[in-house]
Amino acid sequence: AVFLFGGAKRSDKPQRYRLLHGDVVVWGG
């Protein structure tokens, strides 16, 4: 799947990452 990861505002342009079987994304802070 193509995962979109942007900023704190909806208008921030998100980066695209292709997630594969077994991938894990962690975000915080």
PDB file of all heavy atoms in Angstrom:
ATOM      1  N   ALA A   1       0.843  -1.187   0.000  1.00  0.00           N
ATOM      2  CA  ALA A   1       0.000   0.000   0.000  1.00  0.00           C
ATOM      3  C   ALA A   1       0.880   1.238   0.000  1.00  0.00           C
ATOM      4  O   ALA A   1       2.014   1.216   0.478  1.00  0.00           O
ATOM      5  CB  ALA A   1      -0.914   0.015   1.222  1.00  0.00           C
ATOM      6  N   VAL A   2       0.355   2.322  -0.538  1.00  0.00           N
ATOM      7  CA  VAL A   2       1.058   3.605  -0.526  1.00  0.00           C
ATOM      8  C   VAL A   2       0.586   4.398   0.684  1.00  0.00           C
ATOM      9  O   VAL A   2      -0.592   4.787   0.767  1.00  0.00           O
ATOM     10  CB  VAL A   2       0.826   4.395  -1.820  1.00  0.00           C
ATOM     11  CG1 VAL A   2       1.539   5.749  -1.747  1.00  0.00           C
ATOM     12  CG2 VAL A   2       1.324   3.604  -3.025  1.00  0.00           C
ATOM     13  N   PHE A   3       1.494   4.603   1.624  1.00  0.00           N
ATOM     14  CA  PHE A   3       1.209   5.302   2.872  1.00  0.00           C
ATOM     15  C   PHE A   3       1.561   6.773   2.708  1.00  0.00           C
ATOM     16  O   PHE A   3       2.653   7.123   2.235  1.00  0.00           O
ATOM     17  CB  PHE A   3       2.038   4.676   3.992  1.00  0.00           C
ATOM     18  CG  PHE A   3       1.882   5.307   5.347  1.00  0.00           C
ATOM     19  CD1 PHE A   3       0.654   5.348   5.979  1.00  0.00           C
ATOM     20  CD2 PHE A   3       2.984   5.848   6.000  1.00  0.00           C
ATOM     21  CE1 PHE A   3       0.515   5.919   7.241  1.00  0.00           C
ATOM     22  CE2 PHE A   3       2.866   6.410   7.264  1.00  0.00           C
ATOM     23  CZ  PHE A   3       1.621   6.449   7.880  1.00  0.00           C
ATOM     24  N   LEU A   4       0.648   7.641   3.077  1.00  0.00           N
ATOM     25  CA  LEU A   4       0.855   9.091   3.032  1.00  0.00           C
ATOM     26  C   LEU A   4       1.194   9.578   4.431  1.00  0.00           C
ATOM     27  O   LEU A   4       0.453   9.292   5.376  1.00  0.00           O
ATOM     28  CB  LEU A   4      -0.401   9.794   2.526  1.00  0.00           C
ATOM     29  CG  LEU A   4      -0.947   9.355   1.175  1.00  0.00           C
ATOM     30  CD1 LEU A   4      -2.266  10.067   0.873  1.00  0.00           C
ATOM     31  CD2 LEU A   4       0.063   9.605   0.069  1.00  0.00           C
ATOM     32  N   PHE A   5       2.287  10.314   4.556  1.00  0.00           N
ATOM     33  CA  PHE A   5       2.685  10.827   5.870  1.00  0.00           C
ATOM     34  C   PHE A   5       3.039  12.296   5.717  1.00  0.00           C
ATOM     35  O   PHE A   5       4.013  12.663   5.053  1.00  0.00           O
ATOM     36  CB  PHE A   5       3.878  10.041   6.417  1.00  0.00           C
ATOM     37  CG  PHE A   5       4.118  10.263   7.885  1.00  0.00           C
ATOM     38  CD1 PHE A   5       3.271   9.707   8.835  1.00  0.00           C
ATOM     39  CD2 PHE A   5       5.182  11.028   8.321  1.00  0.00           C
ATOM     40  CE1 PHE A   5       3.478   9.900  10.189  1.00  0.00           C
ATOM     41  CE2 PHE A   5       5.414  11.234   9.676  1.00  0.00           C
ATOM     42  CZ  PHE A   5       4.556  10.670  10.615  1.00  0.00           C
ATOM     43  N   GLY A   6       2.219  13.139   6.326  1.00  0.00           N
ATOM     44  CA  GLY A   6       2.374  14.576   6.161  1.00  0.00           C
ATOM     45  C   GLY A   6       2.822  15.280   7.424  1.00  0.00           C
ATOM     46  O   GLY A   6       3.540  14.724   8.254  1.00  0.00           O
ATOM     47  N   GLY A   7       2.353  16.513   7.581  1.00  0.00           N
ATOM     48  CA  GLY A   7       2.747  17.332   8.716  1.00  0.00           C
ATOM     49  C   GLY A   7       1.592  17.580   9.659  1.00  0.00           C
ATOM     50  O   GLY A   7       0.585  16.866   9.662  1.00  0.00           O
ATOM     51  N   ALA A   8       1.718  18.629  10.452  1.00  0.00           N
ATOM     52  CA  ALA A   8       0.714  18.934  11.471  1.00  0.00           C
ATOM     53  C   ALA A   8      -0.525  19.616  10.890  1.00  0.00           C
ATOM     54  O   ALA A   8      -1.543  19.738  11.574  1.00  0.00           O
ATOM     55  CB  ALA A   8       1.323  19.824  12.541  1.00  0.00           C
ATOM     56  N   LYS A   9      -0.443  20.048   9.617  1.00  0.00           N
ATOM     57  CA  LYS A   9      -1.577  20.674   8.954  1.00  0.00           C
ATOM     58  C   LYS A   9      -2.011  19.819   7.776  1.00  0.00           C
ATOM     59  O   LYS A   9      -1.176  19.237   7.081  1.00  0.00           O
ATOM     60  CB  LYS A   9      -1.211  22.088   8.471  1.00  0.00           C
ATOM     61  CG  LYS A   9      -0.845  23.048   9.584  1.00  0.00           C
ATOM     62  CD  LYS A   9      -0.553  24.438   9.040  1.00  0.00           C
ATOM     63  CE  LYS A   9       0.720  24.424   8.181  1.00  0.00           C
ATOM     64  NZ  LYS A   9       1.060  25.791   7.703  1.00  0.00           N
ATOM     65  N   ARG A  10      -3.313  19.782   7.537  1.00  0.00           N
ATOM     66  CA  ARG A  10      -3.822  19.000   6.416  1.00  0.00           C
ATOM     67  C   ARG A  10      -3.248  19.483   5.093  1.00  0.00           C
ATOM     68  O   ARG A  10      -3.053  18.705   4.149  1.00  0.00           O
ATOM     69  CB  ARG A  10      -5.352  19.054   6.372  1.00  0.00           C
ATOM     70  CG  ARG A  10      -5.967  18.142   5.322  1.00  0.00           C
ATOM     71  CD  ARG A  10      -7.482  18.315   5.270  1.00  0.00           C
ATOM     72  NE  ARG A  10      -8.122  17.876   6.497  1.00  0.00           N
ATOM     73  CZ  ARG A  10      -8.470  16.623   6.744  1.00  0.00           C
ATOM     74  NH1 ARG A  10      -8.226  15.683   5.852  1.00  0.00           N
ATOM     75  NH2 ARG A  10      -9.062  16.314   7.881  1.00  0.00           N
ATOM     76  N   SER A  11      -2.954  20.773   5.030  1.00  0.00           N
ATOM     77  CA  SER A  11      -2.439  21.352   3.786  1.00  0.00           C
ATOM     78  C   SER A  11      -0.975  21.002   3.527  1.00  0.00           C
ATOM     79  O   SER A  11      -0.474  21.210   2.412  1.00  0.00           O
ATOM     80  CB  SER A  11      -2.594  22.872   3.818  1.00  0.00           C
ATOM     81  OG  SER A  11      -1.903  23.432   4.925  1.00  0.00           O
ATOM     82  N   ASP A  12      -0.269  20.483   4.526  1.00  0.00           N
ATOM     83  CA  ASP A  12       1.126  20.079   4.315  1.00  0.00           C
ATOM     84  C   ASP A  12       1.176  18.921   3.328  1.00  0.00           C
ATOM     85  O   ASP A  12       0.442  17.935   3.476  1.00  0.00           O
ATOM     86  CB  ASP A  12       1.767  19.639   5.634  1.00  0.00           C
ATOM     87  CG  ASP A  12       1.929  20.789   6.613  1.00  0.00           C
ATOM     88  OD1 ASP A  12       1.974  21.951   6.153  1.00  0.00           O
ATOM     89  OD2 ASP A  12       2.003  20.525   7.831  1.00  0.00           O
ATOM     90  N   LYS A  13       2.047  19.022   2.336  1.00  0.00           N
ATOM     91  CA  LYS A  13       2.135  17.972   1.321  1.00  0.00           C
ATOM     92  C   LYS A  13       2.711  16.704   1.929  1.00  0.00           C
ATOM     93  O   LYS A  13       3.810  16.707   2.474  1.00  0.00           O
ATOM     94  CB  LYS A  13       3.013  18.422   0.161  1.00  0.00           C
ATOM     95  CG  LYS A  13       3.083  17.404  -0.971  1.00  0.00           C
ATOM     96  CD  LYS A  13       3.918  17.903  -2.132  1.00  0.00           C
ATOM     97  CE  LYS A  13       3.976  16.872  -3.251  1.00  0.00           C
ATOM     98  NZ  LYS A  13       4.788  17.356  -4.401  1.00  0.00           N
ATOM     99  N   PRO A  14       1.995  15.581   1.859  1.00  0.00           N
ATOM    100  CA  PRO A  14       2.507  14.343   2.464  1.00  0.00           C
ATOM    101  C   PRO A  14       3.544  13.664   1.587  1.00  0.00           C
ATOM    102  O   PRO A  14       3.510  13.767   0.353  1.00  0.00           O
ATOM    103  CB  PRO A  14       1.249  13.476   2.594  1.00  0.00           C
ATOM    104  CG  PRO A  14       0.376  13.924   1.464  1.00  0.00           C
ATOM    105  CD  PRO A  14       0.625  15.407   1.318  1.00  0.00           C
ATOM    106  N   GLN A  15       4.463  12.968   2.244  1.00  0.00           N
ATOM    107  CA  GLN A  15       5.395  12.099   1.542  1.00  0.00           C
ATOM    108  C   GLN A  15       4.708  10.756   1.313  1.00  0.00           C
ATOM    109  O   GLN A  15       3.778  10.385   2.025  1.00  0.00           O
ATOM    110  CB  GLN A  15       6.664  11.903   2.363  1.00  0.00           C
ATOM    111  CG  GLN A  15       7.454  13.183   2.607  1.00  0.00           C
ATOM    112  CD  GLN A  15       7.973  13.791   1.313  1.00  0.00           C
ATOM    113  OE1 GLN A  15       8.586  13.110   0.489  1.00  0.00           O
ATOM    114  NE2 GLN A  15       7.706  15.079   1.132  1.00  0.00           N
ATOM    115  N   ARG A  16       5.187  10.033   0.296  1.00  0.00           N
ATOM    116  CA  ARG A  16       4.599   8.739  -0.032  1.00  0.00           C
ATOM    117  C   ARG A  16       5.617   7.637   0.227  1.00  0.00           C
ATOM    118  O   ARG A  16       6.777   7.745  -0.174  1.00  0.00           O
ATOM    119  CB  ARG A  16       4.158   8.697  -1.498  1.00  0.00           C
ATOM    120  CG  ARG A  16       3.076   9.709  -1.826  1.00  0.00           C
ATOM    121  CD  ARG A  16       2.595   9.529  -3.252  1.00  0.00           C
ATOM    122  NE  ARG A  16       1.510  10.449  -3.569  1.00  0.00           N
ATOM    123  CZ  ARG A  16       0.706  10.341  -4.630  1.00  0.00           C
ATOM    124  NH1 ARG A  16       0.882   9.336  -5.486  1.00  0.00           N
ATOM    125  NH2 ARG A  16      -0.247  11.215  -4.846  1.00  0.00           N
ATOM    126  N   TYR A  17       5.163   6.573   0.893  1.00  0.00           N
ATOM    127  CA  TYR A  17       6.026   5.429   1.189  1.00  0.00           C
ATOM    128  C   TYR A  17       5.270   4.156   0.825  1.00  0.00           C
ATOM    129  O   TYR A  17       4.107   3.987   1.210  1.00  0.00           O
ATOM    130  CB  TYR A  17       6.409   5.406   2.671  1.00  0.00           C
ATOM    131  CG  TYR A  17       7.147   6.636   3.118  1.00  0.00           C
ATOM    132  CD1 TYR A  17       6.446   7.722   3.654  1.00  0.00           C
ATOM    133  CD2 TYR A  17       8.524   6.736   2.982  1.00  0.00           C
ATOM    134  CE1 TYR A  17       7.122   8.870   4.051  1.00  0.00           C
ATOM    135  CE2 TYR A  17       9.197   7.873   3.379  1.00  0.00           C
ATOM    136  CZ  TYR A  17       8.493   8.935   3.905  1.00  0.00           C
ATOM    137  OH  TYR A  17       9.152  10.075   4.287  1.00  0.00           O
ATOM    138  N   ARG A  18       5.918   3.273   0.126  1.00  0.00           N
ATOM    139  CA  ARG A  18       5.290   2.002  -0.236  1.00  0.00           C
ATOM    140  C   ARG A  18       5.515   1.005   0.894  1.00  0.00           C
ATOM    141  O   ARG A  18       6.640   0.599   1.176  1.00  0.00           O
ATOM    142  CB  ARG A  18       5.877   1.465  -1.543  1.00  0.00           C
ATOM    143  CG  ARG A  18       5.090   0.281  -2.113  1.00  0.00           C
ATOM    144  CD  ARG A  18       5.515   0.040  -3.557  1.00  0.00           C
ATOM    145  NE  ARG A  18       4.680  -0.971  -4.191  1.00  0.00           N
ATOM    146  CZ  ARG A  18       5.058  -2.229  -4.398  1.00  0.00           C
ATOM    147  NH1 ARG A  18       6.257  -2.620  -4.010  1.00  0.00           N
ATOM    148  NH2 ARG A  18       4.262  -3.092  -4.982  1.00  0.00           N
ATOM    149  N   LEU A  19       4.438   0.634   1.562  1.00  0.00           N
ATOM    150  CA  LEU A  19       4.517  -0.297   2.679  1.00  0.00           C
ATOM    151  C   LEU A  19       4.284  -1.712   2.181  1.00  0.00           C
ATOM    152  O   LEU A  19       3.329  -1.973   1.447  1.00  0.00           O
ATOM    153  CB  LEU A  19       3.477   0.052   3.743  1.00  0.00           C
ATOM    154  CG  LEU A  19       3.606   1.438   4.379  1.00  0.00           C
ATOM    155  CD1 LEU A  19       2.563   1.608   5.477  1.00  0.00           C
ATOM    156  CD2 LEU A  19       5.007   1.655   4.926  1.00  0.00           C
ATOM    157  N   LEU A  20       5.134  -2.617   2.635  1.00  0.00           N
ATOM    158  CA  LEU A  20       5.093  -4.004   2.224  1.00  0.00           C
ATOM    159  C   LEU A  20       4.750  -4.906   3.398  1.00  0.00           C
ATOM    160  O   LEU A  20       4.746  -4.464   4.553  1.00  0.00           O
ATOM    161  CB  LEU A  20       6.440  -4.393   1.616  1.00  0.00           C
ATOM    162  CG  LEU A  20       6.891  -3.504   0.461  1.00  0.00           C
ATOM    163  CD1 LEU A  20       8.354  -3.726   0.144  1.00  0.00           C
ATOM    164  CD2 LEU A  20       6.028  -3.739  -0.770  1.00  0.00           C
ATOM    165  N   HIS A  21       4.481  -6.146   3.103  1.00  0.00           N
ATOM    166  CA  HIS A  21       4.136  -7.131   4.113  1.00  0.00           C
ATOM    167  C   HIS A  21       5.202  -7.207   5.203  1.00  0.00           C
ATOM    168  O   HIS A  21       6.372  -7.442   4.916  1.00  0.00           O
ATOM    169  CB  HIS A  21       3.972  -8.491   3.438  1.00  0.00           C
ATOM    170  CG  HIS A  21       3.647  -9.605   4.371  1.00  0.00           C
ATOM    171  ND1 HIS A  21       2.398  -9.757   4.933  1.00  0.00           N
ATOM    172  CD2 HIS A  21       4.415 -10.607   4.864  1.00  0.00           C
ATOM    173  CE1 HIS A  21       2.409 -10.827   5.714  1.00  0.00           C
ATOM    174  NE2 HIS A  21       3.610 -11.362   5.689  1.00  0.00           N
ATOM    175  N   GLY A  22       4.792  -6.974   6.445  1.00  0.00           N
ATOM    176  CA  GLY A  22       5.721  -7.024   7.573  1.00  0.00           C
ATOM    177  C   GLY A  22       6.302  -5.696   7.975  1.00  0.00           C
ATOM    178  O   GLY A  22       6.965  -5.598   9.015  1.00  0.00           O
ATOM    179  N   ASP A  23       6.073  -4.644   7.199  1.00  0.00           N
ATOM    180  CA  ASP A  23       6.584  -3.322   7.564  1.00  0.00           C
ATOM    181  C   ASP A  23       5.812  -2.749   8.748  1.00  0.00           C
ATOM    182  O   ASP A  23       4.606  -2.983   8.899  1.00  0.00           O
ATOM    183  CB  ASP A  23       6.473  -2.342   6.390  1.00  0.00           C
ATOM    184  CG  ASP A  23       7.487  -2.615   5.299  1.00  0.00           C
ATOM    185  OD1 ASP A  23       8.415  -3.427   5.522  1.00  0.00           O
ATOM    186  OD2 ASP A  23       7.367  -2.014   4.214  1.00  0.00           O
ATOM    187  N   VAL A  24       6.514  -1.991   9.578  1.00  0.00           N
ATOM    188  CA  VAL A  24       5.901  -1.343  10.740  1.00  0.00           C
ATOM    189  C   VAL A  24       6.303   0.127  10.744  1.00  0.00           C
ATOM    190  O   VAL A  24       7.486   0.448  10.585  1.00  0.00           O
ATOM    191  CB  VAL A  24       6.339  -1.998  12.065  1.00  0.00           C
ATOM    192  CG1 VAL A  24       5.692  -1.288  13.259  1.00  0.00           C
ATOM    193  CG2 VAL A  24       5.987  -3.483  12.081  1.00  0.00           C
ATOM    194  N   VAL A  25       5.331   1.021  10.904  1.00  0.00           N
ATOM    195  CA  VAL A  25       5.597   2.451  11.033  1.00  0.00           C
ATOM    196  C   VAL A  25       5.270   2.864  12.463  1.00  0.00           C
ATOM    197  O   VAL A  25       4.220   2.491  13.005  1.00  0.00           O
ATOM    198  CB  VAL A  25       4.762   3.285  10.047  1.00  0.00           C
ATOM    199  CG1 VAL A  25       5.100   4.773  10.189  1.00  0.00           C
ATOM    200  CG2 VAL A  25       5.005   2.830   8.610  1.00  0.00           C
ATOM    201  N   VAL A  26       6.190   3.607  13.072  1.00  0.00           N
ATOM    202  CA  VAL A  26       5.987   4.123  14.430  1.00  0.00           C
ATOM    203  C   VAL A  26       6.145   5.641  14.378  1.00  0.00           C
ATOM    204  O   VAL A  26       7.125   6.135  13.823  1.00  0.00           O
ATOM    205  CB  VAL A  26       7.015   3.527  15.418  1.00  0.00           C
ATOM    206  CG1 VAL A  26       6.742   4.050  16.834  1.00  0.00           C
ATOM    207  CG2 VAL A  26       6.987   2.002  15.389  1.00  0.00           C
ATOM    208  N   TRP A  27       5.171   6.360  14.915  1.00  0.00           N
ATOM    209  CA  TRP A  27       5.337   7.811  14.984  1.00  0.00           C
ATOM    210  C   TRP A  27       4.796   8.347  16.309  1.00  0.00           C
ATOM    211  O   TRP A  27       3.838   7.850  16.862  1.00  0.00           O
ATOM    212  CB  TRP A  27       4.706   8.512  13.788  1.00  0.00           C
ATOM    213  CG  TRP A  27       3.221   8.474  13.651  1.00  0.00           C
ATOM    214  CD1 TRP A  27       2.320   9.419  14.068  1.00  0.00           C
ATOM    215  CD2 TRP A  27       2.432   7.453  12.991  1.00  0.00           C
ATOM    216  NE1 TRP A  27       1.044   9.049  13.734  1.00  0.00           N
ATOM    217  CE2 TRP A  27       1.083   7.867  13.066  1.00  0.00           C
ATOM    218  CE3 TRP A  27       2.753   6.257  12.357  1.00  0.00           C
ATOM    219  CZ2 TRP A  27       0.053   7.101  12.532  1.00  0.00           C
ATOM    220  CZ3 TRP A  27       1.723   5.489  11.833  1.00  0.00           C
ATOM    221  CH2 TRP A  27       0.401   5.910  11.912  1.00  0.00           C
ATOM    222  N   GLY A  28       5.501   9.361  16.815  1.00  0.00           N
ATOM    223  CA  GLY A  28       5.141   9.973  18.080  1.00  0.00           C
ATOM    224  C   GLY A  28       5.928  11.257  18.260  1.00  0.00           C
ATOM    225  O   GLY A  28       6.516  11.775  17.309  1.00  0.00           O
ATOM    226  N   GLY A  29       5.968  11.766  19.487  1.00  0.00           N
ATOM    227  CA  GLY A  29       6.730  12.988  19.742  1.00  0.00           C
ATOM    228  C   GLY A  29       6.296  14.108  18.822  1.00  0.00           C
ATOM    229  O   GLY A  29       5.098  14.408  18.708  1.00  0.00           O
TER     230      GLY A  29
END
